[in-house]
Amino acid sequence: MPKLEVFENEYPDRDYEICITCPEFTAVCPRTGQPDFGVIRIRYVPDKWCIELKSLKLYYQSYRDVGIFHEHVTNRILDDFVEAVQPRRVEITGDFNVRGGIETVVTACYPDGVEFSS
């Protein structure tokens, strides 16, 4: 798994929100071996660090051949993001394409229980 890289936030005393969308996320269904496609959205308030986008892109691409459930990949992205960036708060949403007539949307937040306003 590629390392998520960060850069220094020049405005650490200000609360501001950064939204990042990856509309072409791909992993593999661990049951069927078929590709799963979805949109990954990150909303976060940085503290000392911001995510470097090229490293995030490479990180996402590393999932293309990984067999992982939607719920697990969303939470793993959250864990890896929090470890690297140490944000004040973050919300990761995995909005996966319909498969078998069922759409799955998974949202994981840090710290636990903190939700962003819409």
N, C-alpha and C. Protein backbone atom coordinates (compact mmCIF):
# COMPACT_ATOMS: atom_id res chain seq x y z
N MET A 1 0.86 -1.18 0.00
CA MET A 1 0.00 0.00 0.00
C MET A 1 0.90 1.24 0.00
N PRO A 2 0.74 2.14 -0.97
CA PRO A 2 1.53 3.37 -0.99
C PRO A 2 1.26 4.23 0.26
N LYS A 3 2.27 4.96 0.66
CA LYS A 3 2.17 5.81 1.84
C LYS A 3 1.42 7.11 1.50
N LEU A 4 0.50 7.48 2.37
CA LEU A 4 -0.16 8.78 2.23
C LEU A 4 0.80 9.85 2.72
N GLU A 5 1.02 10.85 1.87
CA GLU A 5 1.93 11.93 2.22
C GLU A 5 1.14 13.18 2.58
N VAL A 6 1.76 14.04 3.37
CA VAL A 6 1.12 15.27 3.83
C VAL A 6 2.04 16.46 3.59
N PHE A 7 1.45 17.65 3.68
CA PHE A 7 2.24 18.88 3.67
C PHE A 7 1.69 19.79 4.76
N GLU A 8 2.50 20.74 5.18
CA GLU A 8 2.14 21.60 6.30
C GLU A 8 0.98 22.53 5.96
N ASN A 9 0.03 22.60 6.86
CA ASN A 9 -1.10 23.51 6.74
C ASN A 9 -0.63 24.90 7.16
N GLU A 10 -0.72 25.87 6.27
CA GLU A 10 -0.29 27.23 6.58
C GLU A 10 -1.30 28.01 7.42
N TYR A 11 -2.48 27.44 7.65
CA TYR A 11 -3.53 28.12 8.42
C TYR A 11 -4.05 27.21 9.54
N PRO A 12 -3.17 26.72 10.41
CA PRO A 12 -3.62 25.76 11.43
C PRO A 12 -4.52 26.37 12.50
N ASP A 13 -4.56 27.69 12.60
CA ASP A 13 -5.42 28.33 13.60
C ASP A 13 -6.84 28.59 13.09
N ARG A 14 -7.09 28.24 11.85
CA ARG A 14 -8.39 28.48 11.23
C ARG A 14 -9.08 27.14 10.95
N ASP A 15 -10.35 27.04 11.31
CA ASP A 15 -11.14 25.88 10.93
C ASP A 15 -11.66 26.10 9.52
N TYR A 16 -11.25 25.26 8.59
CA TYR A 16 -11.80 25.30 7.24
C TYR A 16 -11.91 23.87 6.74
N GLU A 17 -12.80 23.66 5.81
CA GLU A 17 -13.10 22.32 5.34
C GLU A 17 -12.51 22.09 3.95
N ILE A 18 -11.94 20.91 3.78
CA ILE A 18 -11.43 20.48 2.48
C ILE A 18 -12.26 19.28 2.05
N CYS A 19 -12.76 19.33 0.81
CA CYS A 19 -13.55 18.22 0.25
C CYS A 19 -12.82 17.66 -0.95
N ILE A 20 -12.64 16.35 -0.97
CA ILE A 20 -11.94 15.68 -2.06
C ILE A 20 -12.85 14.55 -2.56
N THR A 21 -13.02 14.46 -3.87
CA THR A 21 -13.86 13.41 -4.46
C THR A 21 -13.04 12.61 -5.46
N CYS A 22 -13.14 11.29 -5.32
CA CYS A 22 -12.54 10.37 -6.29
C CYS A 22 -13.69 9.62 -6.96
N PRO A 23 -14.08 10.02 -8.18
CA PRO A 23 -15.24 9.40 -8.82
C PRO A 23 -14.95 8.06 -9.49
N GLU A 24 -13.71 7.59 -9.45
CA GLU A 24 -13.35 6.36 -10.17
C GLU A 24 -12.67 5.34 -9.28
N PHE A 25 -13.14 5.20 -8.03
CA PHE A 25 -12.54 4.23 -7.12
C PHE A 25 -12.91 2.82 -7.55
N THR A 26 -11.94 1.92 -7.49
CA THR A 26 -12.17 0.52 -7.86
C THR A 26 -11.50 -0.40 -6.86
N ALA A 27 -12.23 -1.42 -6.46
CA ALA A 27 -11.69 -2.53 -5.67
C ALA A 27 -12.31 -3.81 -6.25
N VAL A 28 -12.16 -4.92 -5.55
CA VAL A 28 -12.68 -6.19 -6.04
C VAL A 28 -13.59 -6.78 -4.97
N CYS A 29 -14.73 -7.31 -5.39
CA CYS A 29 -15.62 -7.99 -4.47
C CYS A 29 -14.91 -9.26 -3.98
N PRO A 30 -14.77 -9.44 -2.66
CA PRO A 30 -14.07 -10.62 -2.16
C PRO A 30 -14.85 -11.92 -2.34
N ARG A 31 -16.15 -11.83 -2.61
CA ARG A 31 -16.96 -13.04 -2.82
C ARG A 31 -16.95 -13.49 -4.28
N THR A 32 -17.10 -12.53 -5.20
CA THR A 32 -17.27 -12.89 -6.60
C THR A 32 -16.00 -12.68 -7.43
N GLY A 33 -15.08 -11.85 -6.93
CA GLY A 33 -13.89 -11.51 -7.71
C GLY A 33 -14.16 -10.48 -8.78
N GLN A 34 -15.39 -9.97 -8.84
CA GLN A 34 -15.76 -8.96 -9.82
C GLN A 34 -15.35 -7.58 -9.34
N PRO A 35 -15.08 -6.65 -10.27
CA PRO A 35 -14.71 -5.30 -9.85
C PRO A 35 -15.89 -4.57 -9.23
N ASP A 36 -15.59 -3.78 -8.21
CA ASP A 36 -16.57 -2.89 -7.60
C ASP A 36 -16.13 -1.46 -7.89
N PHE A 37 -17.07 -0.64 -8.31
CA PHE A 37 -16.78 0.75 -8.63
C PHE A 37 -17.55 1.65 -7.68
N GLY A 38 -16.97 2.80 -7.38
CA GLY A 38 -17.67 3.72 -6.51
C GLY A 38 -17.00 5.07 -6.48
N VAL A 39 -17.61 5.94 -5.70
CA VAL A 39 -17.10 7.29 -5.48
C VAL A 39 -16.68 7.37 -4.02
N ILE A 40 -15.45 7.82 -3.77
CA ILE A 40 -14.98 8.05 -2.41
C ILE A 40 -14.93 9.56 -2.19
N ARG A 41 -15.59 10.01 -1.12
CA ARG A 41 -15.58 11.43 -0.77
C ARG A 41 -14.93 11.60 0.60
N ILE A 42 -14.03 12.55 0.67
CA ILE A 42 -13.38 12.90 1.93
C ILE A 42 -13.72 14.34 2.25
N ARG A 43 -14.23 14.58 3.45
CA ARG A 43 -14.46 15.93 3.97
C ARG A 43 -13.69 16.01 5.27
N TYR A 44 -12.75 16.98 5.35
CA TYR A 44 -12.00 17.07 6.58
C TYR A 44 -11.63 18.49 6.94
N VAL A 45 -11.38 18.68 8.22
CA VAL A 45 -10.87 19.94 8.75
C VAL A 45 -9.43 19.65 9.17
N PRO A 46 -8.46 20.24 8.49
CA PRO A 46 -7.06 19.93 8.81
C PRO A 46 -6.64 20.58 10.13
N ASP A 47 -5.60 20.00 10.70
CA ASP A 47 -4.96 20.61 11.85
C ASP A 47 -3.58 21.09 11.39
N LYS A 48 -2.54 20.33 11.63
CA LYS A 48 -1.19 20.74 11.22
C LYS A 48 -0.84 20.30 9.80
N TRP A 49 -1.59 19.32 9.28
CA TRP A 49 -1.22 18.73 7.99
C TRP A 49 -2.40 18.69 7.04
N CYS A 50 -2.09 18.72 5.73
CA CYS A 50 -3.07 18.51 4.66
C CYS A 50 -2.59 17.31 3.84
N ILE A 51 -3.52 16.62 3.23
CA ILE A 51 -3.17 15.46 2.40
C ILE A 51 -2.59 15.92 1.07
N GLU A 52 -1.56 15.24 0.62
CA GLU A 52 -0.96 15.51 -0.69
C GLU A 52 -1.72 14.65 -1.71
N LEU A 53 -2.29 15.29 -2.72
CA LEU A 53 -3.25 14.61 -3.60
C LEU A 53 -2.66 13.52 -4.48
N LYS A 54 -1.45 13.67 -4.96
CA LYS A 54 -0.87 12.61 -5.79
C LYS A 54 -0.71 11.33 -4.98
N SER A 55 -0.27 11.46 -3.74
CA SER A 55 -0.12 10.26 -2.90
C SER A 55 -1.49 9.63 -2.63
N LEU A 56 -2.53 10.46 -2.49
CA LEU A 56 -3.88 9.93 -2.29
C LEU A 56 -4.34 9.17 -3.53
N LYS A 57 -4.06 9.70 -4.70
CA LYS A 57 -4.43 9.03 -5.96
C LYS A 57 -3.75 7.66 -6.05
N LEU A 58 -2.46 7.61 -5.76
CA LEU A 58 -1.72 6.34 -5.81
C LEU A 58 -2.23 5.36 -4.75
N TYR A 59 -2.58 5.89 -3.60
CA TYR A 59 -3.17 5.06 -2.54
C TYR A 59 -4.48 4.43 -3.03
N TYR A 60 -5.36 5.24 -3.60
CA TYR A 60 -6.62 4.71 -4.13
C TYR A 60 -6.37 3.64 -5.19
N GLN A 61 -5.45 3.91 -6.10
CA GLN A 61 -5.17 2.97 -7.18
C GLN A 61 -4.68 1.62 -6.66
N SER A 62 -4.07 1.60 -5.50
CA SER A 62 -3.56 0.35 -4.95
C SER A 62 -4.68 -0.63 -4.57
N TYR A 63 -5.90 -0.16 -4.49
CA TYR A 63 -7.04 -1.03 -4.16
C TYR A 63 -7.61 -1.77 -5.37
N ARG A 64 -7.14 -1.46 -6.57
CA ARG A 64 -7.75 -2.04 -7.78
C ARG A 64 -7.79 -3.56 -7.80
N ASP A 65 -6.82 -4.20 -7.18
CA ASP A 65 -6.78 -5.67 -7.18
C ASP A 65 -7.00 -6.26 -5.80
N VAL A 66 -7.51 -5.46 -4.87
CA VAL A 66 -7.71 -5.91 -3.49
C VAL A 66 -9.15 -6.37 -3.31
N GLY A 67 -9.33 -7.58 -2.81
CA GLY A 67 -10.65 -8.09 -2.48
C GLY A 67 -11.06 -7.57 -1.11
N ILE A 68 -12.06 -6.69 -1.08
CA ILE A 68 -12.44 -6.05 0.18
C ILE A 68 -13.89 -5.59 0.11
N PHE A 69 -14.61 -5.78 1.21
CA PHE A 69 -16.00 -5.33 1.28
C PHE A 69 -16.08 -3.82 1.36
N HIS A 70 -17.20 -3.26 0.90
CA HIS A 70 -17.40 -1.80 0.91
C HIS A 70 -17.22 -1.21 2.31
N GLU A 71 -17.80 -1.89 3.28
CA GLU A 71 -17.73 -1.40 4.66
C GLU A 71 -16.28 -1.36 5.16
N HIS A 72 -15.53 -2.39 4.79
CA HIS A 72 -14.15 -2.48 5.27
C HIS A 72 -13.24 -1.47 4.58
N VAL A 73 -13.40 -1.29 3.29
CA VAL A 73 -12.51 -0.35 2.59
C VAL A 73 -12.76 1.08 3.05
N THR A 74 -14.01 1.43 3.30
CA THR A 74 -14.30 2.79 3.76
C THR A 74 -13.65 3.04 5.12
N ASN A 75 -13.76 2.08 6.02
CA ASN A 75 -13.15 2.23 7.34
C ASN A 75 -11.64 2.15 7.30
N ARG A 76 -11.08 1.36 6.41
CA ARG A 76 -9.61 1.30 6.28
C ARG A 76 -9.07 2.62 5.76
N ILE A 77 -9.77 3.22 4.78
CA ILE A 77 -9.35 4.53 4.26
C ILE A 77 -9.39 5.55 5.40
N LEU A 78 -10.44 5.52 6.21
CA LEU A 78 -10.53 6.43 7.35
C LEU A 78 -9.33 6.23 8.29
N ASP A 79 -9.05 5.00 8.67
CA ASP A 79 -7.94 4.73 9.58
C ASP A 79 -6.60 5.22 9.02
N ASP A 80 -6.35 4.93 7.75
CA ASP A 80 -5.09 5.34 7.12
C ASP A 80 -5.00 6.86 7.00
N PHE A 81 -6.12 7.51 6.67
CA PHE A 81 -6.16 8.96 6.54
C PHE A 81 -5.88 9.62 7.89
N VAL A 82 -6.55 9.15 8.93
CA VAL A 82 -6.36 9.73 10.27
C VAL A 82 -4.92 9.55 10.73
N GLU A 83 -4.35 8.38 10.50
CA GLU A 83 -2.96 8.14 10.90
C GLU A 83 -2.00 9.10 10.21
N ALA A 84 -2.20 9.34 8.92
CA ALA A 84 -1.29 10.19 8.15
C ALA A 84 -1.51 11.68 8.40
N VAL A 85 -2.75 12.11 8.38
CA VAL A 85 -3.08 13.54 8.36
C VAL A 85 -3.33 14.11 9.76
N GLN A 86 -3.84 13.28 10.66
CA GLN A 86 -4.20 13.72 12.01
C GLN A 86 -5.11 14.96 11.97
N PRO A 87 -6.23 14.85 11.25
CA PRO A 87 -7.13 16.00 11.11
C PRO A 87 -7.90 16.28 12.39
N ARG A 88 -8.50 17.46 12.46
CA ARG A 88 -9.39 17.75 13.58
C ARG A 88 -10.62 16.86 13.51
N ARG A 89 -11.14 16.73 12.30
CA ARG A 89 -12.24 15.79 12.05
C ARG A 89 -12.25 15.44 10.57
N VAL A 90 -12.82 14.27 10.29
CA VAL A 90 -12.89 13.81 8.91
C VAL A 90 -14.10 12.89 8.75
N GLU A 91 -14.67 12.95 7.57
CA GLU A 91 -15.77 12.06 7.19
C GLU A 91 -15.40 11.44 5.86
N ILE A 92 -15.42 10.12 5.79
CA ILE A 92 -15.15 9.38 4.55
C ILE A 92 -16.44 8.71 4.13
N THR A 93 -16.87 8.94 2.89
CA THR A 93 -18.06 8.30 2.36
C THR A 93 -17.68 7.49 1.13
N GLY A 94 -18.06 6.23 1.14
CA GLY A 94 -17.93 5.35 -0.03
C GLY A 94 -19.31 5.13 -0.61
N ASP A 95 -19.53 5.63 -1.80
CA ASP A 95 -20.83 5.52 -2.48
C ASP A 95 -20.61 4.58 -3.66
N PHE A 96 -20.99 3.32 -3.48
CA PHE A 96 -20.65 2.29 -4.45
C PHE A 96 -21.77 2.04 -5.45
N ASN A 97 -21.38 1.73 -6.67
CA ASN A 97 -22.34 1.52 -7.75
C ASN A 97 -23.30 0.38 -7.42
N VAL A 98 -24.48 0.48 -7.98
CA VAL A 98 -25.50 -0.54 -7.79
C VAL A 98 -24.99 -1.87 -8.32
N ARG A 99 -25.20 -2.91 -7.50
CA ARG A 99 -24.84 -4.27 -7.91
C ARG A 99 -25.97 -5.18 -7.42
N GLY A 100 -26.55 -5.93 -8.34
CA GLY A 100 -27.66 -6.82 -7.97
C GLY A 100 -28.88 -6.07 -7.47
N GLY A 101 -29.03 -4.81 -7.93
CA GLY A 101 -30.20 -4.02 -7.54
C GLY A 101 -30.05 -3.34 -6.19
N ILE A 102 -28.85 -3.39 -5.59
CA ILE A 102 -28.65 -2.79 -4.27
C ILE A 102 -27.50 -1.79 -4.34
N GLU A 103 -27.77 -0.58 -3.84
CA GLU A 103 -26.73 0.43 -3.73
C GLU A 103 -26.24 0.46 -2.29
N THR A 104 -24.93 0.63 -2.11
CA THR A 104 -24.33 0.71 -0.79
C THR A 104 -23.64 2.05 -0.63
N VAL A 105 -23.96 2.76 0.47
CA VAL A 105 -23.28 3.99 0.84
C VAL A 105 -22.81 3.80 2.28
N VAL A 106 -21.50 3.92 2.48
CA VAL A 106 -20.90 3.73 3.80
C VAL A 106 -20.23 5.03 4.22
N THR A 107 -20.53 5.51 5.43
CA THR A 107 -19.91 6.72 5.95
C THR A 107 -19.24 6.40 7.28
N ALA A 108 -17.96 6.81 7.39
CA ALA A 108 -17.20 6.61 8.62
C ALA A 108 -16.61 7.95 9.03
N CYS A 109 -16.65 8.25 10.33
CA CYS A 109 -16.21 9.55 10.83
C CYS A 109 -15.15 9.43 11.92
N TYR A 110 -14.35 10.47 12.00
CA TYR A 110 -13.39 10.62 13.09
C TYR A 110 -13.48 12.06 13.58
N PRO A 111 -13.48 12.29 14.88
CA PRO A 111 -13.60 11.27 15.91
C PRO A 111 -14.96 10.60 15.86
N ASP A 112 -15.07 9.43 16.48
CA ASP A 112 -16.32 8.68 16.46
C ASP A 112 -17.47 9.56 16.91
N GLY A 113 -18.58 9.46 16.18
CA GLY A 113 -19.78 10.18 16.55
C GLY A 113 -19.86 11.62 16.05
N VAL A 114 -18.77 12.15 15.51
CA VAL A 114 -18.79 13.52 15.00
C VAL A 114 -19.28 13.47 13.57
N GLU A 115 -20.31 14.25 13.28
CA GLU A 115 -20.84 14.32 11.91
C GLU A 115 -20.70 15.74 11.40
N PHE A 116 -20.45 15.85 10.10
CA PHE A 116 -20.39 17.15 9.47
C PHE A 116 -21.80 17.62 9.20
N SER A 117 -21.99 18.92 9.19
CA SER A 117 -23.29 19.45 8.79
C SER A 117 -23.36 19.42 7.26
N SER A 118 -24.54 19.24 6.72
CA SER A 118 -24.69 19.13 5.26
C SER A 118 -24.51 20.44 4.56
